[in-house]
């Protein structure tokens, strides 16, 4: 067991912070959960533009992906706060903060404006009908914002770890 700890670098002369490990772990876990859920619902939404089957699947799937996206945002923000605790709101930490605000605003729109309309359609027995074009446009714009913000944030985290640390 001791050799395993030496191999992993736990028992070595290398100085490291458990706060850094925990912060990066939460940050990355947030991306795995949040971006994973965004990818699933985006693919469903794309397929649902022209298909009544996928429209219904999207309405049902969003009940699962919506809380996962919020959990991902929360974990990423918490991880970011721990990771950037020593540099404050400057550089990449500032950009991550702005992207988090975009994700929260976009998520609020999707959760409290779009989602109730989708659930109402389901309750009315219209879940298998293709969404009206005005609603589709709003959802597409929101999904584009979401994908850009999530992937940009992930890229910035990788940049921070590899280049700036």
C-alpha atoms as a PDB file:
ATOM      1  CA  UNK A   1       0.000   0.000   0.000  1.00  0.00           C
ATOM      2  CA  UNK A   2       2.874   2.332   0.801  1.00  0.00           C
ATOM      3  CA  UNK A   3       4.255   1.851  -2.722  1.00  0.00           C
ATOM      4  CA  UNK A   4       0.891   2.848  -4.157  1.00  0.00           C
ATOM      5  CA  UNK A   5       0.942   6.112  -2.182  1.00  0.00           C
ATOM      6  CA  UNK A   6       4.506   6.788  -3.321  1.00  0.00           C
ATOM      7  CA  UNK A   7       3.529   6.017  -6.925  1.00  0.00           C
ATOM      8  CA  UNK A   8       0.546   8.392  -6.728  1.00  0.00           C
ATOM      9  CA  UNK A   9       2.787  11.111  -5.312  1.00  0.00           C
ATOM     10  CA  UNK A  10       0.945  11.283  -2.000  1.00  0.00           C
ATOM     11  CA  UNK A  11       4.075  10.486  -0.001  1.00  0.00           C
ATOM     12  CA  UNK A  12       6.681  12.574  -1.689  1.00  0.00           C
ATOM     13  CA  UNK A  13       8.493  15.845  -1.331  1.00  0.00           C
ATOM     14  CA  UNK A  14       6.013  17.475  -3.663  1.00  0.00           C
ATOM     15  CA  UNK A  15       3.889  20.094  -1.940  1.00  0.00           C
ATOM     16  CA  UNK A  16       0.235  20.199  -2.921  1.00  0.00           C
ATOM     17  CA  UNK A  17      -2.988  21.561  -1.534  1.00  0.00           C
ATOM     18  CA  UNK A  18      -6.003  19.371  -0.871  1.00  0.00           C
ATOM     19  CA  UNK A  19      -8.092  22.497  -1.446  1.00  0.00           C
ATOM     20  CA  UNK A  20      -6.742  22.681  -5.006  1.00  0.00           C
ATOM     21  CA  UNK A  21      -7.503  19.017  -5.608  1.00  0.00           C
ATOM     22  CA  UNK A  22     -11.005  19.298  -4.159  1.00  0.00           C
ATOM     23  CA  UNK A  23     -11.704  22.555  -6.036  1.00  0.00           C
ATOM     24  CA  UNK A  24     -10.602  21.160  -9.385  1.00  0.00           C
ATOM     25  CA  UNK A  25     -12.511  17.941  -8.705  1.00  0.00           C
ATOM     26  CA  UNK A  26     -15.753  19.873  -8.100  1.00  0.00           C
ATOM     27  CA  UNK A  27     -15.071  22.154 -11.070  1.00  0.00           C
ATOM     28  CA  UNK A  28     -14.571  19.197 -13.415  1.00  0.00           C
ATOM     29  CA  UNK A  29     -17.477  17.235 -11.885  1.00  0.00           C
ATOM     30  CA  UNK A  30     -19.683  20.245 -12.628  1.00  0.00           C
ATOM     31  CA  UNK A  31     -18.672  20.122 -16.270  1.00  0.00           C
ATOM     32  CA  UNK A  32     -19.191  16.383 -16.519  1.00  0.00           C
ATOM     33  CA  UNK A  33     -22.684  16.554 -15.048  1.00  0.00           C
ATOM     34  CA  UNK A  34     -23.821  19.894 -16.506  1.00  0.00           C
ATOM     35  CA  UNK A  35     -22.302  19.671 -19.962  1.00  0.00           C
ATOM     36  CA  UNK A  36     -23.314  16.021 -20.220  1.00  0.00           C
ATOM     37  CA  UNK A  37     -26.940  16.915 -19.497  1.00  0.00           C
ATOM     38  CA  UNK A  38     -26.796  19.889 -21.889  1.00  0.00           C
ATOM     39  CA  UNK A  39     -25.485  17.611 -24.641  1.00  0.00           C
ATOM     40  CA  UNK A  40     -28.287  15.094 -24.090  1.00  0.00           C
ATOM     41  CA  UNK A  41     -31.076  17.676 -24.132  1.00  0.00           C
ATOM     42  CA  UNK A  42     -29.543  19.535 -27.086  1.00  0.00           C
ATOM     43  CA  UNK A  43     -29.452  16.369 -29.161  1.00  0.00           C
ATOM     44  CA  UNK A  44     -33.042  15.586 -28.216  1.00  0.00           C
ATOM     45  CA  UNK A  45     -34.107  19.138 -29.042  1.00  0.00           C
ATOM     46  CA  UNK A  46     -32.331  19.048 -32.397  1.00  0.00           C
ATOM     47  CA  UNK A  47     -34.048  15.790 -33.317  1.00  0.00           C
ATOM     48  CA  UNK A  48     -37.386  17.121 -32.033  1.00  0.00           C
ATOM     49  CA  UNK A  49     -37.481  20.069 -34.433  1.00  0.00           C
ATOM     50  CA  UNK A  50     -39.099  17.954 -37.157  1.00  0.00           C
ATOM     51  CA  UNK A  51     -40.183  14.795 -35.325  1.00  0.00           C
ATOM     52  CA  UNK A  52     -43.172  14.388 -33.040  1.00  0.00           C
ATOM     53  CA  UNK A  53     -41.549  11.322 -31.463  1.00  0.00           C
ATOM     54  CA  UNK A  54     -38.407  13.279 -30.513  1.00  0.00           C
ATOM     55  CA  UNK A  55     -40.464  16.282 -29.405  1.00  0.00           C
ATOM     56  CA  UNK A  56     -42.201  14.078 -26.848  1.00  0.00           C
ATOM     57  CA  UNK A  57     -38.900  12.463 -25.868  1.00  0.00           C
ATOM     58  CA  UNK A  58     -37.385  15.922 -25.379  1.00  0.00           C
ATOM     59  CA  UNK A  59     -40.228  17.058 -23.135  1.00  0.00           C
ATOM     60  CA  UNK A  60     -39.837  13.948 -21.004  1.00  0.00           C
ATOM     61  CA  UNK A  61     -36.039  14.035 -20.981  1.00  0.00           C
ATOM     62  CA  UNK A  62     -35.843  17.677 -19.911  1.00  0.00           C
ATOM     63  CA  UNK A  63     -37.368  16.712 -16.561  1.00  0.00           C
ATOM     64  CA  UNK A  64     -34.158  14.790 -15.861  1.00  0.00           C
ATOM     65  CA  UNK A  65     -31.607  17.008 -17.575  1.00  0.00           C
ATOM     66  CA  UNK A  66     -32.859  20.283 -16.068  1.00  0.00           C
ATOM     67  CA  UNK A  67     -31.874  19.439 -12.463  1.00  0.00           C
ATOM     68  CA  UNK A  68     -28.627  17.861 -13.669  1.00  0.00           C
ATOM     69  CA  UNK A  69     -27.699  21.065 -15.484  1.00  0.00           C
ATOM     70  CA  UNK A  70     -28.379  23.089 -12.319  1.00  0.00           C
ATOM     71  CA  UNK A  71     -26.309  20.646 -10.243  1.00  0.00           C
ATOM     72  CA  UNK A  72     -23.502  20.963 -12.805  1.00  0.00           C
ATOM     73  CA  UNK A  73     -23.627  24.771 -12.691  1.00  0.00           C
ATOM     74  CA  UNK A  74     -23.601  24.729  -8.890  1.00  0.00           C
ATOM     75  CA  UNK A  75     -20.648  22.316  -8.682  1.00  0.00           C
ATOM     76  CA  UNK A  76     -18.675  24.212 -11.319  1.00  0.00           C
ATOM     77  CA  UNK A  77     -19.233  27.513  -9.509  1.00  0.00           C
ATOM     78  CA  UNK A  78     -18.308  25.998  -6.148  1.00  0.00           C
ATOM     79  CA  UNK A  79     -15.218  24.379  -7.675  1.00  0.00           C
ATOM     80  CA  UNK A  80     -14.308  27.660  -9.347  1.00  0.00           C
ATOM     81  CA  UNK A  81     -14.628  29.564  -6.084  1.00  0.00           C
ATOM     82  CA  UNK A  82     -12.261  27.099  -4.407  1.00  0.00           C
ATOM     83  CA  UNK A  83      -9.861  26.923  -7.357  1.00  0.00           C
ATOM     84  CA  UNK A  84      -9.676  30.706  -7.838  1.00  0.00           C
ATOM     85  CA  UNK A  85      -9.740  31.559  -4.126  1.00  0.00           C
ATOM     86  CA  UNK A  86      -6.269  33.103  -4.246  1.00  0.00           C
ATOM     87  CA  UNK A  87      -6.565  35.127  -7.458  1.00  0.00           C
ATOM     88  CA  UNK A  88      -9.958  36.790  -7.004  1.00  0.00           C
ATOM     89  CA  UNK A  89     -12.009  38.149  -9.896  1.00  0.00           C
ATOM     90  CA  UNK A  90      -9.284  38.693 -12.450  1.00  0.00           C
ATOM     91  CA  UNK A  91      -8.282  37.095 -15.731  1.00  0.00           C
ATOM     92  CA  UNK A  92      -9.833  33.715 -16.374  1.00  0.00           C
ATOM     93  CA  UNK A  93     -11.656  33.758 -13.033  1.00  0.00           C
ATOM     94  CA  UNK A  94     -13.476  36.910 -14.146  1.00  0.00           C
ATOM     95  CA  UNK A  95     -14.356  35.398 -17.524  1.00  0.00           C
ATOM     96  CA  UNK A  96     -15.591  32.234 -15.783  1.00  0.00           C
ATOM     97  CA  UNK A  97     -17.727  34.390 -13.505  1.00  0.00           C
ATOM     98  CA  UNK A  98     -19.275  36.182 -16.481  1.00  0.00           C
ATOM     99  CA  UNK A  99     -19.921  32.874 -18.239  1.00  0.00           C
ATOM    100  CA  UNK A 100     -21.522  31.525 -15.052  1.00  0.00           C
ATOM    101  CA  UNK A 101     -23.853  34.544 -15.027  1.00  0.00           C
ATOM    102  CA  UNK A 102     -24.741  33.796 -18.665  1.00  0.00           C
ATOM    103  CA  UNK A 103     -25.408  30.131 -17.813  1.00  0.00           C
ATOM    104  CA  UNK A 104     -27.540  31.048 -14.803  1.00  0.00           C
ATOM    105  CA  UNK A 105     -29.531  33.613 -16.809  1.00  0.00           C
ATOM    106  CA  UNK A 106     -30.010  31.197 -19.690  1.00  0.00           C
ATOM    107  CA  UNK A 107     -30.922  28.367 -17.310  1.00  0.00           C
ATOM    108  CA  UNK A 108     -33.430  30.594 -15.559  1.00  0.00           C
ATOM    109  CA  UNK A 109     -35.088  31.358 -18.904  1.00  0.00           C
ATOM    110  CA  UNK A 110     -35.187  27.665 -19.830  1.00  0.00           C
ATOM    111  CA  UNK A 111     -36.349  26.501 -16.398  1.00  0.00           C
ATOM    112  CA  UNK A 112     -38.954  29.152 -15.672  1.00  0.00           C
ATOM    113  CA  UNK A 113     -40.163  30.220 -19.108  1.00  0.00           C
ATOM    114  CA  UNK A 114     -39.648  27.324 -21.543  1.00  0.00           C
ATOM    115  CA  UNK A 115     -40.076  24.366 -19.183  1.00  0.00           C
ATOM    116  CA  UNK A 116     -43.541  25.378 -17.897  1.00  0.00           C
ATOM    117  CA  UNK A 117     -44.738  25.688 -21.509  1.00  0.00           C
ATOM    118  CA  UNK A 118     -43.402  22.238 -22.331  1.00  0.00           C
ATOM    119  CA  UNK A 119     -45.020  20.739 -19.240  1.00  0.00           C
ATOM    120  CA  UNK A 120     -48.320  22.458 -20.073  1.00  0.00           C
ATOM    121  CA  UNK A 121     -48.226  20.947 -23.564  1.00  0.00           C
ATOM    122  CA  UNK A 122     -47.636  17.539 -22.021  1.00  0.00           C
ATOM    123  CA  UNK A 123     -50.541  18.010 -19.612  1.00  0.00           C
ATOM    124  CA  UNK A 124     -52.800  19.061 -22.500  1.00  0.00           C
ATOM    125  CA  UNK A 125     -51.874  15.910 -24.437  1.00  0.00           C
ATOM    126  CA  UNK A 126     -49.815  17.846 -27.006  1.00  0.00           C
ATOM    127  CA  UNK A 127     -46.394  16.461 -26.050  1.00  0.00           C
ATOM    128  CA  UNK A 128     -46.141  14.549 -29.315  1.00  0.00           C
ATOM    129  CA  UNK A 129     -46.868  17.620 -31.458  1.00  0.00           C
ATOM    130  CA  UNK A 130     -43.978  19.558 -32.949  1.00  0.00           C
ATOM    131  CA  UNK A 131     -43.378  22.806 -31.088  1.00  0.00           C
ATOM    132  CA  UNK A 132     -44.508  26.102 -32.647  1.00  0.00           C
ATOM    133  CA  UNK A 133     -41.745  27.808 -34.629  1.00  0.00           C
ATOM    134  CA  UNK A 134     -41.578  30.865 -32.320  1.00  0.00           C
ATOM    135  CA  UNK A 135     -40.918  28.588 -29.327  1.00  0.00           C
ATOM    136  CA  UNK A 136     -38.409  26.557 -31.343  1.00  0.00           C
ATOM    137  CA  UNK A 137     -36.470  29.713 -32.253  1.00  0.00           C
ATOM    138  CA  UNK A 138     -36.268  30.792 -28.596  1.00  0.00           C
ATOM    139  CA  UNK A 139     -35.115  27.329 -27.569  1.00  0.00           C
ATOM    140  CA  UNK A 140     -32.504  27.159 -30.356  1.00  0.00           C
ATOM    141  CA  UNK A 141     -31.059  30.561 -29.385  1.00  0.00           C
ATOM    142  CA  UNK A 142     -30.970  29.492 -25.753  1.00  0.00           C
ATOM    143  CA  UNK A 143     -29.286  26.198 -26.575  1.00  0.00           C
ATOM    144  CA  UNK A 144     -26.661  27.946 -28.717  1.00  0.00           C
ATOM    145  CA  UNK A 145     -25.900  30.304 -25.828  1.00  0.00           C
ATOM    146  CA  UNK A 146     -25.713  27.336 -23.470  1.00  0.00           C
ATOM    147  CA  UNK A 147     -23.387  25.275 -25.649  1.00  0.00           C
ATOM    148  CA  UNK A 148     -21.059  28.216 -26.310  1.00  0.00           C
ATOM    149  CA  UNK A 149     -20.912  29.165 -22.626  1.00  0.00           C
ATOM    150  CA  UNK A 150     -20.353  25.597 -21.386  1.00  0.00           C
ATOM    151  CA  UNK A 151     -17.679  24.696 -23.963  1.00  0.00           C
ATOM    152  CA  UNK A 152     -15.937  28.074 -23.594  1.00  0.00           C
ATOM    153  CA  UNK A 153     -15.850  27.587 -19.838  1.00  0.00           C
ATOM    154  CA  UNK A 154     -14.416  24.111 -20.174  1.00  0.00           C
ATOM    155  CA  UNK A 155     -11.758  25.337 -22.607  1.00  0.00           C
ATOM    156  CA  UNK A 156     -10.830  28.158 -20.206  1.00  0.00           C
ATOM    157  CA  UNK A 157     -10.480  25.692 -17.342  1.00  0.00           C
ATOM    158  CA  UNK A 158      -8.133  23.538 -19.412  1.00  0.00           C
ATOM    159  CA  UNK A 159      -6.206  26.684 -20.431  1.00  0.00           C
ATOM    160  CA  UNK A 160      -5.920  27.710 -16.792  1.00  0.00           C
ATOM    161  CA  UNK A 161      -4.668  24.278 -15.695  1.00  0.00           C
ATOM    162  CA  UNK A 162      -2.195  23.743 -18.529  1.00  0.00           C
ATOM    163  CA  UNK A 163      -0.967  27.240 -19.366  1.00  0.00           C
ATOM    164  CA  UNK A 164      -1.452  29.521 -16.377  1.00  0.00           C
ATOM    165  CA  UNK A 165      -0.880  27.263 -13.390  1.00  0.00           C
END
